[in-house]
mmCIF file of all heavy atoms, coordinates in Angstrom:
data_MODEL
# 
_entry.id   MODEL 
# 
loop_
_atom_site.group_PDB 
_atom_site.id 
_atom_site.type_symbol 
_atom_site.label_atom_id 
_atom_site.label_alt_id 
_atom_site.label_comp_id 
_atom_site.label_asym_id 
_atom_site.label_entity_id 
_atom_site.label_seq_id 
_atom_site.pdbx_PDB_ins_code 
_atom_site.Cartn_x 
_atom_site.Cartn_y 
_atom_site.Cartn_z 
_atom_site.occupancy 
_atom_site.B_iso_or_equiv 
_atom_site.pdbx_formal_charge 
_atom_site.auth_seq_id 
_atom_site.auth_comp_id 
_atom_site.auth_asym_id 
_atom_site.auth_atom_id 
_atom_site.pdbx_PDB_model_num 
ATOM 1   N N   . ASP A 1 1  ? 143.755 66.714 44.349 1.00 0.00 ? 1  ASP A N   1 
ATOM 2   C CA  . ASP A 1 1  ? 145.206 66.635 44.527 1.00 0.00 ? 1  ASP A CA  1 
ATOM 3   C C   . ASP A 1 1  ? 145.935 67.900 44.103 1.00 0.00 ? 1  ASP A C   1 
ATOM 4   O O   . ASP A 1 1  ? 147.162 67.895 43.979 1.00 0.00 ? 1  ASP A O   1 
ATOM 5   C CB  . ASP A 1 1  ? 145.754 65.439 43.741 1.00 0.00 ? 1  ASP A CB  1 
ATOM 6   C CG  . ASP A 1 1  ? 145.261 64.113 44.289 1.00 0.00 ? 1  ASP A CG  1 
ATOM 7   O OD1 . ASP A 1 1  ? 144.970 64.049 45.496 1.00 0.00 ? 1  ASP A OD1 1 
ATOM 8   O OD2 . ASP A 1 1  ? 145.169 63.148 43.510 1.00 0.00 ? 1  ASP A OD2 1 
ATOM 9   N N   . GLU A 1 2  ? 145.214 68.985 43.873 1.00 0.00 ? 2  GLU A N   1 
ATOM 10  C CA  . GLU A 1 2  ? 145.797 70.245 43.407 1.00 0.00 ? 2  GLU A CA  1 
ATOM 11  C C   . GLU A 1 2  ? 145.610 71.327 44.462 1.00 0.00 ? 2  GLU A C   1 
ATOM 12  O O   . GLU A 1 2  ? 144.538 71.428 45.067 1.00 0.00 ? 2  GLU A O   1 
ATOM 13  C CB  . GLU A 1 2  ? 145.117 70.718 42.111 1.00 0.00 ? 2  GLU A CB  1 
ATOM 14  C CG  . GLU A 1 2  ? 144.960 69.664 41.040 1.00 0.00 ? 2  GLU A CG  1 
ATOM 15  C CD  . GLU A 1 2  ? 146.271 69.201 40.435 1.00 0.00 ? 2  GLU A CD  1 
ATOM 16  O OE1 . GLU A 1 2  ? 147.252 69.971 40.438 1.00 0.00 ? 2  GLU A OE1 1 
ATOM 17  O OE2 . GLU A 1 2  ? 146.326 68.066 39.950 1.00 0.00 ? 2  GLU A OE2 1 
ATOM 18  N N   . VAL A 1 3  ? 146.632 72.140 44.677 1.00 0.00 ? 3  VAL A N   1 
ATOM 19  C CA  . VAL A 1 3  ? 146.562 73.247 45.635 1.00 0.00 ? 3  VAL A CA  1 
ATOM 20  C C   . VAL A 1 3  ? 147.238 74.469 45.020 1.00 0.00 ? 3  VAL A C   1 
ATOM 21  O O   . VAL A 1 3  ? 148.350 74.363 44.502 1.00 0.00 ? 3  VAL A O   1 
ATOM 22  C CB  . VAL A 1 3  ? 147.284 72.926 46.959 1.00 0.00 ? 3  VAL A CB  1 
ATOM 23  C CG1 . VAL A 1 3  ? 147.138 74.079 47.943 1.00 0.00 ? 3  VAL A CG1 1 
ATOM 24  C CG2 . VAL A 1 3  ? 146.792 71.645 47.565 1.00 0.00 ? 3  VAL A CG2 1 
ATOM 25  N N   . ILE A 1 4  ? 146.566 75.598 45.095 1.00 0.00 ? 4  ILE A N   1 
ATOM 26  C CA  . ILE A 1 4  ? 147.176 76.863 44.695 1.00 0.00 ? 4  ILE A CA  1 
ATOM 27  C C   . ILE A 1 4  ? 147.236 77.749 45.928 1.00 0.00 ? 4  ILE A C   1 
ATOM 28  O O   . ILE A 1 4  ? 146.238 77.940 46.625 1.00 0.00 ? 4  ILE A O   1 
ATOM 29  C CB  . ILE A 1 4  ? 146.394 77.553 43.567 1.00 0.00 ? 4  ILE A CB  1 
ATOM 30  C CG1 . ILE A 1 4  ? 146.432 76.690 42.306 1.00 0.00 ? 4  ILE A CG1 1 
ATOM 31  C CG2 . ILE A 1 4  ? 146.966 78.952 43.307 1.00 0.00 ? 4  ILE A CG2 1 
ATOM 32  C CD1 . ILE A 1 4  ? 145.609 77.211 41.161 1.00 0.00 ? 4  ILE A CD1 1 
ATOM 33  N N   . THR A 1 5  ? 148.434 78.267 46.196 1.00 0.00 ? 5  THR A N   1 
ATOM 34  C CA  . THR A 1 5  ? 148.645 79.172 47.317 1.00 0.00 ? 5  THR A CA  1 
ATOM 35  C C   . THR A 1 5  ? 149.105 80.510 46.760 1.00 0.00 ? 5  THR A C   1 
ATOM 36  O O   . THR A 1 5  ? 150.077 80.571 46.006 1.00 0.00 ? 5  THR A O   1 
ATOM 37  C CB  . THR A 1 5  ? 149.709 78.622 48.290 1.00 0.00 ? 5  THR A CB  1 
ATOM 38  O OG1 . THR A 1 5  ? 149.310 77.312 48.725 1.00 0.00 ? 5  THR A OG1 1 
ATOM 39  C CG2 . THR A 1 5  ? 149.878 79.526 49.498 1.00 0.00 ? 5  THR A CG2 1 
ATOM 40  N N   . TRP A 1 6  ? 148.377 81.569 47.115 1.00 0.00 ? 6  TRP A N   1 
ATOM 41  C CA  . TRP A 1 6  ? 148.745 82.937 46.733 1.00 0.00 ? 6  TRP A CA  1 
ATOM 42  C C   . TRP A 1 6  ? 149.329 83.587 47.974 1.00 0.00 ? 6  TRP A C   1 
ATOM 43  O O   . TRP A 1 6  ? 148.709 83.583 49.038 1.00 0.00 ? 6  TRP A O   1 
ATOM 44  C CB  . TRP A 1 6  ? 147.509 83.699 46.247 1.00 0.00 ? 6  TRP A CB  1 
ATOM 45  C CG  . TRP A 1 6  ? 147.791 85.127 45.907 1.00 0.00 ? 6  TRP A CG  1 
ATOM 46  C CD1 . TRP A 1 6  ? 147.544 86.213 46.687 1.00 0.00 ? 6  TRP A CD1 1 
ATOM 47  C CD2 . TRP A 1 6  ? 148.373 85.627 44.709 1.00 0.00 ? 6  TRP A CD2 1 
ATOM 48  N NE1 . TRP A 1 6  ? 147.942 87.350 46.051 1.00 0.00 ? 6  TRP A NE1 1 
ATOM 49  C CE2 . TRP A 1 6  ? 148.456 87.024 44.826 1.00 0.00 ? 6  TRP A CE2 1 
ATOM 50  C CE3 . TRP A 1 6  ? 148.841 85.011 43.547 1.00 0.00 ? 6  TRP A CE3 1 
ATOM 51  C CZ2 . TRP A 1 6  ? 148.983 87.833 43.825 1.00 0.00 ? 6  TRP A CZ2 1 
ATOM 52  C CZ3 . TRP A 1 6  ? 149.367 85.822 42.549 1.00 0.00 ? 6  TRP A CZ3 1 
ATOM 53  C CH2 . TRP A 1 6  ? 149.423 87.210 42.682 1.00 0.00 ? 6  TRP A CH2 1 
ATOM 54  N N   . PHE A 1 7  ? 150.554 84.108 47.871 1.00 0.00 ? 7  PHE A N   1 
ATOM 55  C CA  . PHE A 1 7  ? 151.217 84.673 49.035 1.00 0.00 ? 7  PHE A CA  1 
ATOM 56  C C   . PHE A 1 7  ? 152.159 85.797 48.647 1.00 0.00 ? 7  PHE A C   1 
ATOM 57  O O   . PHE A 1 7  ? 152.536 85.938 47.479 1.00 0.00 ? 7  PHE A O   1 
ATOM 58  C CB  . PHE A 1 7  ? 151.993 83.595 49.799 1.00 0.00 ? 7  PHE A CB  1 
ATOM 59  C CG  . PHE A 1 7  ? 153.094 82.927 49.014 1.00 0.00 ? 7  PHE A CG  1 
ATOM 60  C CD1 . PHE A 1 7  ? 154.408 83.334 49.142 1.00 0.00 ? 7  PHE A CD1 1 
ATOM 61  C CD2 . PHE A 1 7  ? 152.808 81.868 48.154 1.00 0.00 ? 7  PHE A CD2 1 
ATOM 62  C CE1 . PHE A 1 7  ? 155.428 82.705 48.428 1.00 0.00 ? 7  PHE A CE1 1 
ATOM 63  C CE2 . PHE A 1 7  ? 153.817 81.233 47.444 1.00 0.00 ? 7  PHE A CE2 1 
ATOM 64  C CZ  . PHE A 1 7  ? 155.124 81.653 47.577 1.00 0.00 ? 7  PHE A CZ  1 
ATOM 65  N N   . ASP A 1 8  ? 152.525 86.600 49.638 1.00 0.00 ? 8  ASP A N   1 
ATOM 66  C CA  . ASP A 1 8  ? 153.589 87.577 49.475 1.00 0.00 ? 8  ASP A CA  1 
ATOM 67  C C   . ASP A 1 8  ? 154.856 86.939 50.022 1.00 0.00 ? 8  ASP A C   1 
ATOM 68  O O   . ASP A 1 8  ? 154.883 86.461 51.166 1.00 0.00 ? 8  ASP A O   1 
ATOM 69  C CB  . ASP A 1 8  ? 153.292 88.868 50.246 1.00 0.00 ? 8  ASP A CB  1 
ATOM 70  C CG  . ASP A 1 8  ? 152.292 89.763 49.530 1.00 0.00 ? 8  ASP A CG  1 
ATOM 71  O OD1 . ASP A 1 8  ? 152.102 89.595 48.305 1.00 0.00 ? 8  ASP A OD1 1 
ATOM 72  O OD2 . ASP A 1 8  ? 151.699 90.633 50.203 1.00 0.00 ? 8  ASP A OD2 1 
ATOM 73  N N   . LEU A 1 9  ? 155.893 86.926 49.210 1.00 0.00 ? 9  LEU A N   1 
ATOM 74  C CA  . LEU A 1 9  ? 157.201 86.425 49.599 1.00 0.00 ? 9  LEU A CA  1 
ATOM 75  C C   . LEU A 1 9  ? 157.992 87.610 50.144 1.00 0.00 ? 9  LEU A C   1 
ATOM 76  O O   . LEU A 1 9  ? 158.293 88.545 49.408 1.00 0.00 ? 9  LEU A O   1 
ATOM 77  C CB  . LEU A 1 9  ? 157.902 85.812 48.382 1.00 0.00 ? 9  LEU A CB  1 
ATOM 78  C CG  . LEU A 1 9  ? 159.274 85.206 48.597 1.00 0.00 ? 9  LEU A CG  1 
ATOM 79  C CD1 . LEU A 1 9  ? 159.188 83.976 49.486 1.00 0.00 ? 9  LEU A CD1 1 
ATOM 80  C CD2 . LEU A 1 9  ? 159.896 84.849 47.258 1.00 0.00 ? 9  LEU A CD2 1 
ATOM 81  N N   . LEU A 1 10 ? 158.287 87.592 51.429 1.00 0.00 ? 10 LEU A N   1 
ATOM 82  C CA  . LEU A 1 10 ? 159.032 88.675 52.060 1.00 0.00 ? 10 LEU A CA  1 
ATOM 83  C C   . LEU A 1 10 ? 160.470 88.223 52.268 1.00 0.00 ? 10 LEU A C   1 
ATOM 84  O O   . LEU A 1 10 ? 160.718 87.180 52.907 1.00 0.00 ? 10 LEU A O   1 
ATOM 85  C CB  . LEU A 1 10 ? 158.391 89.076 53.387 1.00 0.00 ? 10 LEU A CB  1 
ATOM 86  C CG  . LEU A 1 10 ? 157.074 89.844 53.229 1.00 0.00 ? 10 LEU A CG  1 
ATOM 87  C CD1 . LEU A 1 10 ? 155.898 88.903 53.050 1.00 0.00 ? 10 LEU A CD1 1 
ATOM 88  C CD2 . LEU A 1 10 ? 156.854 90.740 54.408 1.00 0.00 ? 10 LEU A CD2 1 
ATOM 89  N N   . THR A 1 11 ? 161.389 88.989 51.695 1.00 0.00 ? 11 THR A N   1 
ATOM 90  C CA  . THR A 1 11 ? 162.812 88.658 51.767 1.00 0.00 ? 11 THR A CA  1 
ATOM 91  C C   . THR A 1 11 ? 163.600 89.860 52.283 1.00 0.00 ? 11 THR A C   1 
ATOM 92  O O   . THR A 1 11 ? 163.079 90.972 52.356 1.00 0.00 ? 11 THR A O   1 
ATOM 93  C CB  . THR A 1 11 ? 163.371 88.267 50.382 1.00 0.00 ? 11 THR A CB  1 
ATOM 94  O OG1 . THR A 1 11 ? 163.360 89.424 49.547 1.00 0.00 ? 11 THR A OG1 1 
ATOM 95  C CG2 . THR A 1 11 ? 162.572 87.139 49.753 1.00 0.00 ? 11 THR A CG2 1 
ATOM 96  N N   . SER A 1 12 ? 164.857 89.610 52.579 1.00 0.00 ? 12 SER A N   1 
ATOM 97  C CA  . SER A 1 12 ? 165.738 90.679 53.038 1.00 0.00 ? 12 SER A CA  1 
ATOM 98  C C   . SER A 1 12 ? 166.308 91.491 51.881 1.00 0.00 ? 12 SER A C   1 
ATOM 99  O O   . SER A 1 12 ? 166.982 92.494 52.122 1.00 0.00 ? 12 SER A O   1 
ATOM 100 C CB  . SER A 1 12 ? 166.882 90.082 53.866 1.00 0.00 ? 12 SER A CB  1 
ATOM 101 O OG  . SER A 1 12 ? 167.636 89.175 53.076 1.00 0.00 ? 12 SER A OG  1 
ATOM 102 N N   . VAL A 1 13 ? 166.031 91.099 50.635 1.00 0.00 ? 13 VAL A N   1 
ATOM 103 C CA  . VAL A 1 13 ? 166.661 91.769 49.490 1.00 0.00 ? 13 VAL A CA  1 
ATOM 104 C C   . VAL A 1 13 ? 165.687 92.481 48.555 1.00 0.00 ? 13 VAL A C   1 
ATOM 105 O O   . VAL A 1 13 ? 166.124 93.141 47.613 1.00 0.00 ? 13 VAL A O   1 
ATOM 106 C CB  . VAL A 1 13 ? 167.510 90.768 48.663 1.00 0.00 ? 13 VAL A CB  1 
ATOM 107 C CG1 . VAL A 1 13 ? 168.629 90.187 49.507 1.00 0.00 ? 13 VAL A CG1 1 
ATOM 108 C CG2 . VAL A 1 13 ? 166.644 89.683 48.046 1.00 0.00 ? 13 VAL A CG2 1 
ATOM 109 N N   . ALA A 1 14 ? 164.376 92.373 48.809 1.00 0.00 ? 14 ALA A N   1 
ATOM 110 C CA  . ALA A 1 14 ? 163.405 92.959 47.877 1.00 0.00 ? 14 ALA A CA  1 
ATOM 111 C C   . ALA A 1 14 ? 162.114 93.290 48.619 1.00 0.00 ? 14 ALA A C   1 
ATOM 112 O O   . ALA A 1 14 ? 161.851 92.733 49.693 1.00 0.00 ? 14 ALA A O   1 
ATOM 113 C CB  . ALA A 1 14 ? 163.115 91.983 46.737 1.00 0.00 ? 14 ALA A CB  1 
ATOM 114 N N   . PRO A 1 15 ? 161.314 94.174 48.025 1.00 0.00 ? 15 PRO A N   1 
ATOM 115 C CA  . PRO A 1 15 ? 159.998 94.408 48.617 1.00 0.00 ? 15 PRO A CA  1 
ATOM 116 C C   . PRO A 1 15 ? 159.143 93.148 48.509 1.00 0.00 ? 15 PRO A C   1 
ATOM 117 O O   . PRO A 1 15 ? 159.502 92.219 47.768 1.00 0.00 ? 15 PRO A O   1 
ATOM 118 C CB  . PRO A 1 15 ? 159.413 95.542 47.776 1.00 0.00 ? 15 PRO A CB  1 
ATOM 119 C CG  . PRO A 1 15 ? 160.303 95.735 46.613 1.00 0.00 ? 15 PRO A CG  1 
ATOM 120 C CD  . PRO A 1 15 ? 161.566 94.974 46.848 1.00 0.00 ? 15 PRO A CD  1 
ATOM 121 N N   . PRO A 1 16 ? 158.026 93.076 49.232 1.00 0.00 ? 16 PRO A N   1 
ATOM 122 C CA  . PRO A 1 16 ? 157.162 91.888 49.142 1.00 0.00 ? 16 PRO A CA  1 
ATOM 123 C C   . PRO A 1 16 ? 156.860 91.534 47.684 1.00 0.00 ? 16 PRO A C   1 
ATOM 124 O O   . PRO A 1 16 ? 156.544 92.403 46.877 1.00 0.00 ? 16 PRO A O   1 
ATOM 125 C CB  . PRO A 1 16 ? 155.902 92.311 49.894 1.00 0.00 ? 16 PRO A CB  1 
ATOM 126 C CG  . PRO A 1 16 ? 156.385 93.334 50.863 1.00 0.00 ? 16 PRO A CG  1 
ATOM 127 C CD  . PRO A 1 16 ? 157.483 94.081 50.139 1.00 0.00 ? 16 PRO A CD  1 
ATOM 128 N N   . THR A 1 17 ? 156.979 90.249 47.386 1.00 0.00 ? 17 THR A N   1 
ATOM 129 C CA  . THR A 1 17 ? 156.787 89.757 46.022 1.00 0.00 ? 17 THR A CA  1 
ATOM 130 C C   . THR A 1 17 ? 155.529 88.898 45.967 1.00 0.00 ? 17 THR A C   1 
ATOM 131 O O   . THR A 1 17 ? 155.518 87.786 46.512 1.00 0.00 ? 17 THR A O   1 
ATOM 132 C CB  . THR A 1 17 ? 158.013 88.926 45.581 1.00 0.00 ? 17 THR A CB  1 
ATOM 133 O OG1 . THR A 1 17 ? 159.195 89.719 45.724 1.00 0.00 ? 17 THR A OG1 1 
ATOM 134 C CG2 . THR A 1 17 ? 157.870 88.458 44.150 1.00 0.00 ? 17 THR A CG2 1 
ATOM 135 N N   . PRO A 1 18 ? 154.441 89.399 45.324 1.00 0.00 ? 18 PRO A N   1 
ATOM 136 C CA  . PRO A 1 18 ? 153.240 88.571 45.168 1.00 0.00 ? 18 PRO A CA  1 
ATOM 137 C C   . PRO A 1 18 ? 153.580 87.328 44.345 1.00 0.00 ? 18 PRO A C   1 
ATOM 138 O O   . PRO A 1 18 ? 154.199 87.420 43.282 1.00 0.00 ? 18 PRO A O   1 
ATOM 139 C CB  . PRO A 1 18 ? 152.273 89.489 44.415 1.00 0.00 ? 18 PRO A CB  1 
ATOM 140 C CG  . PRO A 1 18 ? 152.784 90.877 44.655 1.00 0.00 ? 18 PRO A CG  1 
ATOM 141 C CD  . PRO A 1 18 ? 154.277 90.735 44.755 1.00 0.00 ? 18 PRO A CD  1 
ATOM 142 N N   . THR A 1 19 ? 153.167 86.157 44.854 1.00 0.00 ? 19 THR A N   1 
ATOM 143 C CA  . THR A 1 19 ? 153.589 84.880 44.280 1.00 0.00 ? 19 THR A CA  1 
ATOM 144 C C   . THR A 1 19 ? 152.431 83.890 44.251 1.00 0.00 ? 19 THR A C   1 
ATOM 145 O O   . THR A 1 19 ? 151.647 83.824 45.189 1.00 0.00 ? 19 THR A O   1 
ATOM 146 C CB  . THR A 1 19 ? 154.733 84.284 45.131 1.00 0.00 ? 19 THR A CB  1 
ATOM 147 O OG1 . THR A 1 19 ? 155.784 85.243 45.245 1.00 0.00 ? 19 THR A OG1 1 
ATOM 148 C CG2 . THR A 1 19 ? 155.279 83.009 44.532 1.00 0.00 ? 19 THR A CG2 1 
ATOM 149 N N   . ALA A 1 20 ? 152.363 83.125 43.170 1.00 0.00 ? 20 ALA A N   1 
ATOM 150 C CA  . ALA A 1 20 ? 151.403 82.026 43.068 1.00 0.00 ? 20 ALA A CA  1 
ATOM 151 C C   . ALA A 1 20 ? 152.183 80.719 43.000 1.00 0.00 ? 20 ALA A C   1 
ATOM 152 O O   . ALA A 1 20 ? 153.150 80.600 42.244 1.00 0.00 ? 20 ALA A O   1 
ATOM 153 C CB  . ALA A 1 20 ? 150.523 82.167 41.838 1.00 0.00 ? 20 ALA A CB  1 
ATOM 154 N N   . ASN A 1 21 ? 151.772 79.739 43.808 1.00 0.00 ? 21 ASN A N   1 
ATOM 155 C CA  . ASN A 1 21 ? 152.407 78.429 43.860 1.00 0.00 ? 21 ASN A CA  1 
ATOM 156 C C   . ASN A 1 21 ? 151.326 77.379 43.633 1.00 0.00 ? 21 ASN A C   1 
ATOM 157 O O   . ASN A 1 21 ? 150.352 77.325 44.369 1.00 0.00 ? 21 ASN A O   1 
ATOM 158 C CB  . ASN A 1 21 ? 153.060 78.229 45.229 1.00 0.00 ? 21 ASN A CB  1 
ATOM 159 C CG  . ASN A 1 21 ? 153.639 76.848 45.436 1.00 0.00 ? 21 ASN A CG  1 
ATOM 160 O OD1 . ASN A 1 21 ? 152.921 75.857 45.425 1.00 0.00 ? 21 ASN A OD1 1 
ATOM 161 N ND2 . ASN A 1 21 ? 154.927 76.785 45.688 1.00 0.00 ? 21 ASN A ND2 1 
ATOM 162 N N   . TRP A 1 22 ? 151.519 76.548 42.612 1.00 0.00 ? 22 TRP A N   1 
ATOM 163 C CA  . TRP A 1 22 ? 150.592 75.451 42.325 1.00 0.00 ? 22 TRP A CA  1 
ATOM 164 C C   . TRP A 1 22 ? 151.321 74.149 42.598 1.00 0.00 ? 22 TRP A C   1 
ATOM 165 O O   . TRP A 1 22 ? 152.428 73.928 42.092 1.00 0.00 ? 22 TRP A O   1 
ATOM 166 C CB  . TRP A 1 22 ? 150.118 75.514 40.877 1.00 0.00 ? 22 TRP A CB  1 
ATOM 167 C CG  . TRP A 1 22 ? 149.409 74.284 40.410 1.00 0.00 ? 22 TRP A CG  1 
ATOM 168 C CD1 . TRP A 1 22 ? 148.378 73.641 41.015 1.00 0.00 ? 22 TRP A CD1 1 
ATOM 169 C CD2 . TRP A 1 22 ? 149.697 73.546 39.224 1.00 0.00 ? 22 TRP A CD2 1 
ATOM 170 N NE1 . TRP A 1 22 ? 147.998 72.551 40.282 1.00 0.00 ? 22 TRP A NE1 1 
ATOM 171 C CE2 . TRP A 1 22 ? 148.791 72.467 39.171 1.00 0.00 ? 22 TRP A CE2 1 
ATOM 172 C CE3 . TRP A 1 22 ? 150.624 73.691 38.191 1.00 0.00 ? 22 TRP A CE3 1 
ATOM 173 C CZ2 . TRP A 1 22 ? 148.791 71.551 38.136 1.00 0.00 ? 22 TRP A CZ2 1 
ATOM 174 C CZ3 . TRP A 1 22 ? 150.622 72.777 37.168 1.00 0.00 ? 22 TRP A CZ3 1 
ATOM 175 C CH2 . TRP A 1 22 ? 149.703 71.719 37.146 1.00 0.00 ? 22 TRP A CH2 1 
ATOM 176 N N   . MET A 1 23 ? 150.710 73.294 43.413 1.00 0.00 ? 23 MET A N   1 
ATOM 177 C CA  . MET A 1 23 ? 151.283 71.989 43.751 1.00 0.00 ? 23 MET A CA  1 
ATOM 178 C C   . MET A 1 23 ? 150.339 70.874 43.339 1.00 0.00 ? 23 MET A C   1 
ATOM 179 O O   . MET A 1 23 ? 149.123 71.027 43.447 1.00 0.00 ? 23 MET A O   1 
ATOM 180 C CB  . MET A 1 23 ? 151.475 71.859 45.263 1.00 0.00 ? 23 MET A CB  1 
ATOM 181 C CG  . MET A 1 23 ? 152.481 72.742 45.860 1.00 0.00 ? 23 MET A CG  1 
ATOM 182 S SD  . MET A 1 23 ? 152.519 72.410 47.649 1.00 0.00 ? 23 MET A SD  1 
ATOM 183 C CE  . MET A 1 23 ? 153.999 73.269 48.047 1.00 0.00 ? 23 MET A CE  1 
ATOM 184 N N   . HIS A 1 24 ? 150.931 69.769 42.940 1.00 0.00 ? 24 HIS A N   1 
ATOM 185 C CA  . HIS A 1 24 ? 150.172 68.543 42.684 1.00 0.00 ? 24 HIS A CA  1 
ATOM 186 C C   . HIS A 1 24 ? 150.700 67.484 43.652 1.00 0.00 ? 24 HIS A C   1 
ATOM 187 O O   . HIS A 1 24 ? 151.906 67.366 43.868 1.00 0.00 ? 24 HIS A O   1 
ATOM 188 C CB  . HIS A 1 24 ? 150.340 68.065 41.244 1.00 0.00 ? 24 HIS A CB  1 
ATOM 189 C CG  . HIS A 1 24 ? 149.616 66.791 40.973 1.00 0.00 ? 24 HIS A CG  1 
ATOM 190 N ND1 . HIS A 1 24 ? 148.263 66.748 40.750 1.00 0.00 ? 24 HIS A ND1 1 
ATOM 191 C CD2 . HIS A 1 24 ? 150.064 65.517 40.952 1.00 0.00 ? 24 HIS A CD2 1 
ATOM 192 C CE1 . HIS A 1 24 ? 147.900 65.483 40.574 1.00 0.00 ? 24 HIS A CE1 1 
ATOM 193 N NE2 . HIS A 1 24 ? 148.976 64.723 40.685 1.00 0.00 ? 24 HIS A NE2 1 
# 
């Protein structure tokens, strides 16, 4: 029931932001 997603968050206001998201 656990998921970790590693991604780059691309926005209009900043350079790509490396991000980790853990969901249950």
